[in-house]
Amino acid sequence: MLQPTAIRDMRAASGGYATSVWRVSTGWATFALRVFEPHQRHVLARELLVLRTAARAGVPVPRVHAIGSYEERPAMLTDWSAGAPLLNALRSEPWRILQLGHAFGRLQRQLHRVPAPPGLRDNWIDWPRTCEPRLAQRLRELPDPERLLHLDYHPLNVLAQRGQITAIIDWTNAHAGDPRADVARTLTILRLMAPQQVVARVFELGWRAGYGPFGRDMPLFYAWAGGAMVHDLTGRLSDVELEPMRRWSAKWQLR
């Protein structure tokens, strides 16, 4: 990937649950080195596929420079994207909440216009666990436009700088599928995981305005997103912390 003599500084960066992320500085540029577990070669291949697809469609994503491995651990070298997580911008520049929310929504709408590339997994209904049978049946009865879905689109995985969104990162959850699933996942995260509810609701107003109409049958997708979140966070959160997510899913299933 890089000759060791070219590296001037390498330090661990804040990464996600799935991979380790290192900030690598040379004399001419700064890169992000994402290191996967040995059994995650398919995850790297998926991220490479979606990053190239998104880039060709004009979606701001880190540019891939190289892929390789070290001691059987696959790795990907990309640009170190400008900016910081959007959540940081919302905290440091609260006067931009509506502006950034609107940009966040416009970008997600742009993403959902991108056809999913051939070969991208499309089993989102049973991700990250098998969906409740009746709900799964209802979802499968709906037309599925097979668009590119991020499925972890929230203010920690979108970067911003000086009021502008610069990149979408962390495509580990990417699927082909119905954009309504991606929207439902984002709303569920904003409603249930935001530490400052007033700020989150103002941001949500901007996001909704930027994205536009979500579409029909959204209760089905909200119920699915709540169940997905419960499964995704089981083991990381206590039963007490998971209870609002269970109630969210149950509420929408009743509708």
C-alpha atoms as a PDB file:
ATOM      1  CA  MET A   1       0.000   0.000   0.000  1.00  0.00           C
ATOM      2  CA  LEU A   2       2.474   2.600   1.240  1.00  0.00           C
ATOM      3  CA  GLN A   3       6.196   2.231   1.615  1.00  0.00           C
ATOM      4  CA  PRO A   4       7.009   2.439   5.343  1.00  0.00           C
ATOM      5  CA  THR A   5       9.598   5.108   4.615  1.00  0.00           C
ATOM      6  CA  ALA A   6       6.868   7.370   3.195  1.00  0.00           C
ATOM      7  CA  ILE A   7       4.867   7.394   6.442  1.00  0.00           C
ATOM      8  CA  ARG A   8       5.608  10.334   8.725  1.00  0.00           C
ATOM      9  CA  ASP A   9       2.849   9.753  11.254  1.00  0.00           C
ATOM     10  CA  MET A  10       0.332   6.983  11.910  1.00  0.00           C
ATOM     11  CA  ARG A  11      -2.151   7.036  14.742  1.00  0.00           C
ATOM     12  CA  ALA A  12      -5.385   5.316  15.676  1.00  0.00           C
ATOM     13  CA  ALA A  13      -8.508   7.293  14.802  1.00  0.00           C
ATOM     14  CA  SER A  14     -12.028   6.963  16.091  1.00  0.00           C
ATOM     15  CA  GLY A  15     -13.452   4.024  14.192  1.00  0.00           C
ATOM     16  CA  GLY A  16     -16.685   2.090  14.060  1.00  0.00           C
ATOM     17  CA  TYR A  17     -17.550  -1.262  15.605  1.00  0.00           C
ATOM     18  CA  ALA A  18     -16.651  -3.232  12.495  1.00  0.00           C
ATOM     19  CA  THR A  19     -13.124  -2.069  11.653  1.00  0.00           C
ATOM     20  CA  SER A  20     -10.032  -0.318  12.985  1.00  0.00           C
ATOM     21  CA  VAL A  21      -9.271   3.060  11.420  1.00  0.00           C
ATOM     22  CA  TRP A  22      -5.811   4.670  11.303  1.00  0.00           C
ATOM     23  CA  ARG A  23      -4.886   8.170  10.204  1.00  0.00           C
ATOM     24  CA  VAL A  24      -1.762   7.931   8.050  1.00  0.00           C
ATOM     25  CA  SER A  25       0.204  11.066   7.162  1.00  0.00           C
ATOM     26  CA  THR A  26       2.921  11.284   4.519  1.00  0.00           C
ATOM     27  CA  GLY A  27       4.859  14.198   3.164  1.00  0.00           C
ATOM     28  CA  TRP A  28       2.196  14.919   0.558  1.00  0.00           C
ATOM     29  CA  ALA A  29      -1.200  13.731   1.827  1.00  0.00           C
ATOM     30  CA  THR A  30      -3.212  12.224   4.667  1.00  0.00           C
ATOM     31  CA  PHE A  31      -5.024   8.915   4.284  1.00  0.00           C
ATOM     32  CA  ALA A  32      -7.431   6.701   6.209  1.00  0.00           C
ATOM     33  CA  LEU A  33      -6.348   3.092   6.611  1.00  0.00           C
ATOM     34  CA  ARG A  34      -9.279   0.810   7.426  1.00  0.00           C
ATOM     35  CA  VAL A  35      -8.186  -2.574   8.754  1.00  0.00           C
ATOM     36  CA  PHE A  36     -10.682  -5.434   8.825  1.00  0.00           C
ATOM     37  CA  GLU A  37     -10.681  -8.744  10.657  1.00  0.00           C
ATOM     38  CA  PRO A  38      -9.282 -11.747   8.724  1.00  0.00           C
ATOM     39  CA  HIS A  39     -12.771 -13.163   8.120  1.00  0.00           C
ATOM     40  CA  GLN A  40     -14.091  -9.851   6.726  1.00  0.00           C
ATOM     41  CA  ARG A  41     -12.664  -9.919   3.208  1.00  0.00           C
ATOM     42  CA  HIS A  42     -16.218  -9.959   1.886  1.00  0.00           C
ATOM     43  CA  VAL A  43     -16.958  -6.791   3.900  1.00  0.00           C
ATOM     44  CA  LEU A  44     -14.010  -4.997   2.315  1.00  0.00           C
ATOM     45  CA  ALA A  45     -15.137  -6.171  -1.138  1.00  0.00           C
ATOM     46  CA  ARG A  46     -18.649  -4.854  -0.463  1.00  0.00           C
ATOM     47  CA  GLU A  47     -17.388  -1.475   0.709  1.00  0.00           C
ATOM     48  CA  LEU A  48     -15.121  -1.190  -2.309  1.00  0.00           C
ATOM     49  CA  LEU A  49     -18.081  -1.922  -4.594  1.00  0.00           C
ATOM     50  CA  VAL A  50     -20.366   0.661  -3.008  1.00  0.00           C
ATOM     51  CA  LEU A  51     -17.686   3.360  -2.706  1.00  0.00           C
ATOM     52  CA  ARG A  52     -16.908   3.098  -6.405  1.00  0.00           C
ATOM     53  CA  THR A  53     -20.620   3.079  -7.292  1.00  0.00           C
ATOM     54  CA  ALA A  54     -21.359   6.097  -5.123  1.00  0.00           C
ATOM     55  CA  ALA A  55     -18.353   8.021  -6.451  1.00  0.00           C
ATOM     56  CA  ARG A  56     -19.399   7.459 -10.073  1.00  0.00           C
ATOM     57  CA  ALA A  57     -22.851   8.835  -9.195  1.00  0.00           C
ATOM     58  CA  GLY A  58     -21.376  12.003  -7.696  1.00  0.00           C
ATOM     59  CA  VAL A  59     -22.048  11.081  -4.055  1.00  0.00           C
ATOM     60  CA  PRO A  60     -19.257  12.473  -1.824  1.00  0.00           C
ATOM     61  CA  VAL A  61     -17.329   9.483  -0.483  1.00  0.00           C
ATOM     62  CA  PRO A  62     -13.635   8.867   0.275  1.00  0.00           C
ATOM     63  CA  ARG A  63     -11.589   7.973  -2.801  1.00  0.00           C
ATOM     64  CA  VAL A  64     -10.022   4.509  -2.676  1.00  0.00           C
ATOM     65  CA  HIS A  65      -6.275   4.434  -3.353  1.00  0.00           C
ATOM     66  CA  ALA A  66      -5.330   0.837  -2.619  1.00  0.00           C
ATOM     67  CA  ILE A  67      -6.408  -2.430  -1.055  1.00  0.00           C
ATOM     68  CA  GLY A  68      -4.179  -5.091   0.432  1.00  0.00           C
ATOM     69  CA  SER A  69      -3.547  -7.092   3.575  1.00  0.00           C
ATOM     70  CA  TYR A  70      -1.161  -7.380   6.497  1.00  0.00           C
ATOM     71  CA  GLU A  71      -0.814 -10.558   8.552  1.00  0.00           C
ATOM     72  CA  GLU A  72      -3.985 -11.921   6.898  1.00  0.00           C
ATOM     73  CA  ARG A  73      -5.997  -8.811   7.818  1.00  0.00           C
ATOM     74  CA  PRO A  74      -7.512  -7.134   4.728  1.00  0.00           C
ATOM     75  CA  ALA A  75      -7.202  -3.352   4.546  1.00  0.00           C
ATOM     76  CA  MET A  76      -8.279  -0.399   2.444  1.00  0.00           C
ATOM     77  CA  LEU A  77      -6.458   2.907   1.977  1.00  0.00           C
ATOM     78  CA  THR A  78      -8.683   5.893   1.194  1.00  0.00           C
ATOM     79  CA  ASP A  79      -8.552   9.651   1.335  1.00  0.00           C
ATOM     80  CA  TRP A  80      -8.784  11.192   4.774  1.00  0.00           C
ATOM     81  CA  SER A  81     -11.957  13.143   4.068  1.00  0.00           C
ATOM     82  CA  ALA A  82     -12.087  16.798   5.048  1.00  0.00           C
ATOM     83  CA  GLY A  83     -14.243  17.811   7.965  1.00  0.00           C
ATOM     84  CA  ALA A  84     -15.470  16.223  11.172  1.00  0.00           C
ATOM     85  CA  PRO A  85     -18.577  14.203  12.050  1.00  0.00           C
ATOM     86  CA  LEU A  86     -21.722  16.215  11.441  1.00  0.00           C
ATOM     87  CA  LEU A  87     -22.654  15.748  15.098  1.00  0.00           C
ATOM     88  CA  ASN A  88     -19.589  17.832  16.069  1.00  0.00           C
ATOM     89  CA  ALA A  89     -20.710  20.637  13.745  1.00  0.00           C
ATOM     90  CA  LEU A  90     -24.210  20.606  15.243  1.00  0.00           C
ATOM     91  CA  ARG A  91     -22.689  21.059  18.693  1.00  0.00           C
ATOM     92  CA  SER A  92     -20.149  23.725  17.764  1.00  0.00           C
ATOM     93  CA  GLU A  93     -22.327  25.669  15.297  1.00  0.00           C
ATOM     94  CA  PRO A  94     -25.919  25.345  16.556  1.00  0.00           C
ATOM     95  CA  TRP A  95     -27.036  28.243  14.344  1.00  0.00           C
ATOM     96  CA  ARG A  96     -26.485  25.915  11.366  1.00  0.00           C
ATOM     97  CA  ILE A  97     -28.793  23.122  12.585  1.00  0.00           C
ATOM     98  CA  LEU A  98     -31.536  23.678  10.000  1.00  0.00           C
ATOM     99  CA  GLN A  99     -29.029  24.342   7.206  1.00  0.00           C
ATOM    100  CA  LEU A 100     -27.070  21.186   7.954  1.00  0.00           C
ATOM    101  CA  GLY A 101     -30.229  19.151   8.446  1.00  0.00           C
ATOM    102  CA  HIS A 102     -31.463  20.275   5.035  1.00  0.00           C
ATOM    103  CA  ALA A 103     -28.129  19.344   3.410  1.00  0.00           C
ATOM    104  CA  PHE A 104     -28.185  15.983   5.227  1.00  0.00           C
ATOM    105  CA  GLY A 105     -31.616  15.254   3.750  1.00  0.00           C
ATOM    106  CA  ARG A 106     -30.717  16.386   0.218  1.00  0.00           C
ATOM    107  CA  LEU A 107     -27.656  14.155   0.235  1.00  0.00           C
ATOM    108  CA  GLN A 108     -29.627  11.125   1.372  1.00  0.00           C
ATOM    109  CA  ARG A 109     -32.175  11.754  -1.396  1.00  0.00           C
ATOM    110  CA  GLN A 110     -29.292  11.955  -3.889  1.00  0.00           C
ATOM    111  CA  LEU A 111     -27.968   8.639  -2.595  1.00  0.00           C
ATOM    112  CA  HIS A 112     -31.355   7.011  -3.041  1.00  0.00           C
ATOM    113  CA  ARG A 113     -31.402   7.886  -6.732  1.00  0.00           C
ATOM    114  CA  VAL A 114     -28.376   5.638  -7.278  1.00  0.00           C
ATOM    115  CA  PRO A 115     -29.220   2.144  -8.610  1.00  0.00           C
ATOM    116  CA  ALA A 116     -27.601  -0.569  -6.527  1.00  0.00           C
ATOM    117  CA  PRO A 117     -24.642  -2.217  -8.285  1.00  0.00           C
ATOM    118  CA  PRO A 118     -25.018  -5.831  -9.442  1.00  0.00           C
ATOM    119  CA  GLY A 119     -23.889  -8.263  -6.786  1.00  0.00           C
ATOM    120  CA  LEU A 120     -24.650  -6.083  -3.764  1.00  0.00           C
ATOM    121  CA  ARG A 121     -26.553  -8.026  -1.101  1.00  0.00           C
ATOM    122  CA  ASP A 122     -30.289  -7.357  -1.123  1.00  0.00           C
ATOM    123  CA  ASN A 123     -31.518  -9.201   1.984  1.00  0.00           C
ATOM    124  CA  TRP A 124     -32.160  -6.003   3.983  1.00  0.00           C
ATOM    125  CA  ILE A 125     -35.520  -7.274   5.320  1.00  0.00           C
ATOM    126  CA  ASP A 126     -33.719  -9.983   7.304  1.00  0.00           C
ATOM    127  CA  TRP A 127     -30.831  -7.732   8.341  1.00  0.00           C
ATOM    128  CA  PRO A 128     -29.316  -7.727  10.897  1.00  0.00           C
ATOM    129  CA  ARG A 129     -31.579 -10.562  12.023  1.00  0.00           C
ATOM    130  CA  THR A 130     -34.526 -12.520  10.667  1.00  0.00           C
ATOM    131  CA  CYS A 131     -37.523 -10.216  10.496  1.00  0.00           C
ATOM    132  CA  GLU A 132     -40.797 -11.066  12.254  1.00  0.00           C
ATOM    133  CA  PRO A 133     -42.655 -13.268   9.704  1.00  0.00           C
ATOM    134  CA  ARG A 134     -45.836 -11.226   9.295  1.00  0.00           C
ATOM    135  CA  LEU A 135     -43.921  -7.981   8.973  1.00  0.00           C
ATOM    136  CA  ALA A 136     -41.475  -9.565   6.513  1.00  0.00           C
ATOM    137  CA  GLN A 137     -44.353 -10.801   4.376  1.00  0.00           C
ATOM    138  CA  ARG A 138     -45.906  -7.332   4.234  1.00  0.00           C
ATOM    139  CA  LEU A 139     -42.581  -5.769   3.273  1.00  0.00           C
ATOM    140  CA  ARG A 140     -41.961  -8.346   0.545  1.00  0.00           C
ATOM    141  CA  GLU A 141     -45.346  -7.538  -0.993  1.00  0.00           C
ATOM    142  CA  LEU A 142     -44.176  -3.974  -1.692  1.00  0.00           C
ATOM    143  CA  PRO A 143     -42.288  -3.016  -4.872  1.00  0.00           C
ATOM    144  CA  ASP A 144     -38.543  -2.842  -4.217  1.00  0.00           C
ATOM    145  CA  PRO A 145     -36.648  -0.367  -6.438  1.00  0.00           C
ATOM    146  CA  GLU A 146     -33.208  -1.843  -5.595  1.00  0.00           C
ATOM    147  CA  ARG A 147     -31.442   1.418  -4.783  1.00  0.00           C
ATOM    148  CA  LEU A 148     -28.182   1.925  -2.919  1.00  0.00           C
ATOM    149  CA  LEU A 149     -28.817   1.973   0.836  1.00  0.00           C
ATOM    150  CA  HIS A 150     -26.339   3.012   3.529  1.00  0.00           C
ATOM    151  CA  LEU A 151     -28.381   1.724   6.505  1.00  0.00           C
ATOM    152  CA  ASP A 152     -26.269   3.617   9.040  1.00  0.00           C
ATOM    153  CA  TYR A 153     -26.887   7.146   7.772  1.00  0.00           C
ATOM    154  CA  HIS A 154     -26.677   9.416  10.806  1.00  0.00           C
ATOM    155  CA  PRO A 155     -24.651  12.453  11.982  1.00  0.00           C
ATOM    156  CA  LEU A 156     -21.619  10.389  13.028  1.00  0.00           C
ATOM    157  CA  ASN A 157     -21.206   8.838   9.574  1.00  0.00           C
ATOM    158  CA  VAL A 158     -21.574  12.064   7.618  1.00  0.00           C
ATOM    159  CA  LEU A 159     -18.737  14.620   7.691  1.00  0.00           C
ATOM    160  CA  ALA A 160     -19.077  18.396   7.472  1.00  0.00           C
ATOM    161  CA  GLN A 161     -16.822  21.437   7.295  1.00  0.00           C
ATOM    162  CA  ARG A 162     -17.754  25.147   7.393  1.00  0.00           C
ATOM    163  CA  GLY A 163     -21.446  24.452   6.914  1.00  0.00           C
ATOM    164  CA  GLN A 164     -20.946  22.020   3.997  1.00  0.00           C
ATOM    165  CA  ILE A 165     -21.233  18.238   3.966  1.00  0.00           C
ATOM    166  CA  THR A 166     -17.996  16.696   2.718  1.00  0.00           C
ATOM    167  CA  ALA A 167     -18.414  12.910   2.789  1.00  0.00           C
ATOM    168  CA  ILE A 168     -20.448   9.862   3.767  1.00  0.00           C
ATOM    169  CA  ILE A 169     -18.308   7.255   5.530  1.00  0.00           C
ATOM    170  CA  ASP A 170     -18.631   3.756   7.043  1.00  0.00           C
ATOM    171  CA  TRP A 171     -20.527   1.733   4.440  1.00  0.00           C
ATOM    172  CA  THR A 172     -20.335  -1.565   6.346  1.00  0.00           C
ATOM    173  CA  ASN A 173     -24.140  -1.979   6.408  1.00  0.00           C
ATOM    174  CA  ALA A 174     -24.727  -1.204   2.710  1.00  0.00           C
ATOM    175  CA  HIS A 175     -27.500  -3.075   0.885  1.00  0.00           C
ATOM    176  CA  ALA A 176     -29.535  -2.924  -2.271  1.00  0.00           C
ATOM    177  CA  GLY A 177     -33.159  -2.222  -1.490  1.00  0.00           C
ATOM    178  CA  ASP A 178     -35.999   0.157  -0.761  1.00  0.00           C
ATOM    179  CA  PRO A 179     -34.973   3.718   0.192  1.00  0.00           C
ATOM    180  CA  ARG A 180     -37.803   3.795   2.729  1.00  0.00           C
ATOM    181  CA  ALA A 181     -35.823   1.303   4.820  1.00  0.00           C
ATOM    182  CA  ASP A 182     -32.835   3.670   4.898  1.00  0.00           C
ATOM    183  CA  VAL A 183     -35.058   6.624   5.812  1.00  0.00           C
ATOM    184  CA  ALA A 184     -36.771   4.629   8.565  1.00  0.00           C
ATOM    185  CA  ARG A 185     -33.408   3.565   9.959  1.00  0.00           C
ATOM    186  CA  THR A 186     -32.216   7.193  10.047  1.00  0.00           C
ATOM    187  CA  LEU A 187     -35.374   8.443  11.737  1.00  0.00           C
ATOM    188  CA  THR A 188     -35.245   5.677  14.330  1.00  0.00           C
ATOM    189  CA  ILE A 189     -31.649   6.594  15.192  1.00  0.00           C
ATOM    190  CA  LEU A 190     -32.475  10.303  15.408  1.00  0.00           C
ATOM    191  CA  ARG A 191     -35.506   9.710  17.613  1.00  0.00           C
ATOM    192  CA  LEU A 192     -34.073   7.081  19.940  1.00  0.00           C
ATOM    193  CA  MET A 193     -30.335   7.731  20.134  1.00  0.00           C
ATOM    194  CA  ALA A 194     -30.019  11.542  20.085  1.00  0.00           C
ATOM    195  CA  PRO A 195     -28.727  12.908  23.422  1.00  0.00           C
ATOM    196  CA  GLN A 196     -30.374  16.333  22.985  1.00  0.00           C
ATOM    197  CA  GLN A 197     -33.954  15.845  21.879  1.00  0.00           C
ATOM    198  CA  VAL A 198     -34.698  19.513  21.133  1.00  0.00           C
ATOM    199  CA  VAL A 199     -31.661  19.821  18.872  1.00  0.00           C
ATOM    200  CA  ALA A 200     -32.502  16.465  17.266  1.00  0.00           C
ATOM    201  CA  ARG A 201     -36.057  17.530  16.454  1.00  0.00           C
ATOM    202  CA  VAL A 202     -34.927  20.804  14.869  1.00  0.00           C
ATOM    203  CA  PHE A 203     -32.339  18.881  12.865  1.00  0.00           C
ATOM    204  CA  GLU A 204     -35.037  16.396  11.879  1.00  0.00           C
ATOM    205  CA  LEU A 205     -37.201  19.213  10.501  1.00  0.00           C
ATOM    206  CA  GLY A 206     -34.331  20.304   8.265  1.00  0.00           C
ATOM    207  CA  TRP A 207     -33.639  16.719   7.199  1.00  0.00           C
ATOM    208  CA  ARG A 208     -37.277  16.111   6.268  1.00  0.00           C
ATOM    209  CA  ALA A 209     -37.428  19.342   4.275  1.00  0.00           C
ATOM    210  CA  GLY A 210     -34.234  18.465   2.422  1.00  0.00           C
ATOM    211  CA  TYR A 211     -35.226  14.884   1.696  1.00  0.00           C
ATOM    212  CA  GLY A 212     -38.854  15.465   0.695  1.00  0.00           C
ATOM    213  CA  PRO A 213     -41.726  12.956   0.979  1.00  0.00           C
ATOM    214  CA  PHE A 214     -40.695   9.598   2.389  1.00  0.00           C
ATOM    215  CA  GLY A 215     -43.381   7.616   0.563  1.00  0.00           C
ATOM    216  CA  ARG A 216     -46.261   5.385   1.577  1.00  0.00           C
ATOM    217  CA  ASP A 217     -46.437   2.510   4.076  1.00  0.00           C
ATOM    218  CA  MET A 218     -43.811   4.022   6.372  1.00  0.00           C
ATOM    219  CA  PRO A 219     -45.182   2.338   9.559  1.00  0.00           C
ATOM    220  CA  LEU A 220     -44.015  -1.006   8.151  1.00  0.00           C
ATOM    221  CA  PHE A 221     -40.504   0.351   7.700  1.00  0.00           C
ATOM    222  CA  TYR A 222     -40.445   2.034  11.139  1.00  0.00           C
ATOM    223  CA  ALA A 223     -41.431  -1.291  12.747  1.00  0.00           C
ATOM    224  CA  TRP A 224     -38.650  -3.029  10.799  1.00  0.00           C
ATOM    225  CA  ALA A 225     -36.073  -0.367  11.768  1.00  0.00           C
ATOM    226  CA  GLY A 226     -36.941  -0.632  15.458  1.00  0.00           C
ATOM    227  CA  GLY A 227     -36.434  -4.400  15.413  1.00  0.00           C
ATOM    228  CA  ALA A 228     -33.175  -4.024  13.501  1.00  0.00           C
ATOM    229  CA  MET A 229     -31.895  -1.527  16.074  1.00  0.00           C
ATOM    230  CA  VAL A 230     -32.777  -3.787  19.005  1.00  0.00           C
ATOM    231  CA  HIS A 231     -30.828  -6.643  17.452  1.00  0.00           C
ATOM    232  CA  ASP A 232     -27.943  -4.397  16.398  1.00  0.00           C
ATOM    233  CA  LEU A 233     -27.448  -3.003  19.915  1.00  0.00           C
ATOM    234  CA  THR A 234     -28.197  -6.093  22.001  1.00  0.00           C
ATOM    235  CA  GLY A 235     -25.061  -6.778  24.013  1.00  0.00           C
ATOM    236  CA  ARG A 236     -23.952  -3.156  23.816  1.00  0.00           C
ATOM    237  CA  LEU A 237     -26.904  -1.685  25.728  1.00  0.00           C
ATOM    238  CA  SER A 238     -28.810  -2.884  28.783  1.00  0.00           C
ATOM    239  CA  ASP A 239     -32.389  -4.183  28.651  1.00  0.00           C
ATOM    240  CA  VAL A 240     -33.551  -0.887  30.141  1.00  0.00           C
ATOM    241  CA  GLU A 241     -31.818   1.065  27.362  1.00  0.00           C
ATOM    242  CA  LEU A 242     -33.239  -1.264  24.708  1.00  0.00           C
ATOM    243  CA  GLU A 243     -36.817  -0.963  25.933  1.00  0.00           C
ATOM    244  CA  PRO A 244     -37.645   2.304  24.080  1.00  0.00           C
ATOM    245  CA  MET A 245     -36.585   0.627  20.834  1.00  0.00           C
ATOM    246  CA  ARG A 246     -38.808  -2.358  21.529  1.00  0.00           C
ATOM    247  CA  ARG A 247     -41.734  -0.028  22.252  1.00  0.00           C
ATOM    248  CA  TRP A 248     -41.026   1.927  19.048  1.00  0.00           C
ATOM    249  CA  SER A 249     -41.157  -1.237  16.933  1.00  0.00           C
ATOM    250  CA  ALA A 250     -44.271  -2.559  18.681  1.00  0.00           C
ATOM    251  CA  LYS A 251     -46.079   0.780  18.268  1.00  0.00           C
ATOM    252  CA  TRP A 252     -45.546   0.840  14.519  1.00  0.00           C
ATOM    253  CA  GLN A 253     -46.442  -2.837  14.105  1.00  0.00           C
ATOM    254  CA  LEU A 254     -49.846  -2.072  15.630  1.00  0.00           C
ATOM    255  CA  ARG A 255     -50.418   0.486  12.885  1.00  0.00           C
END
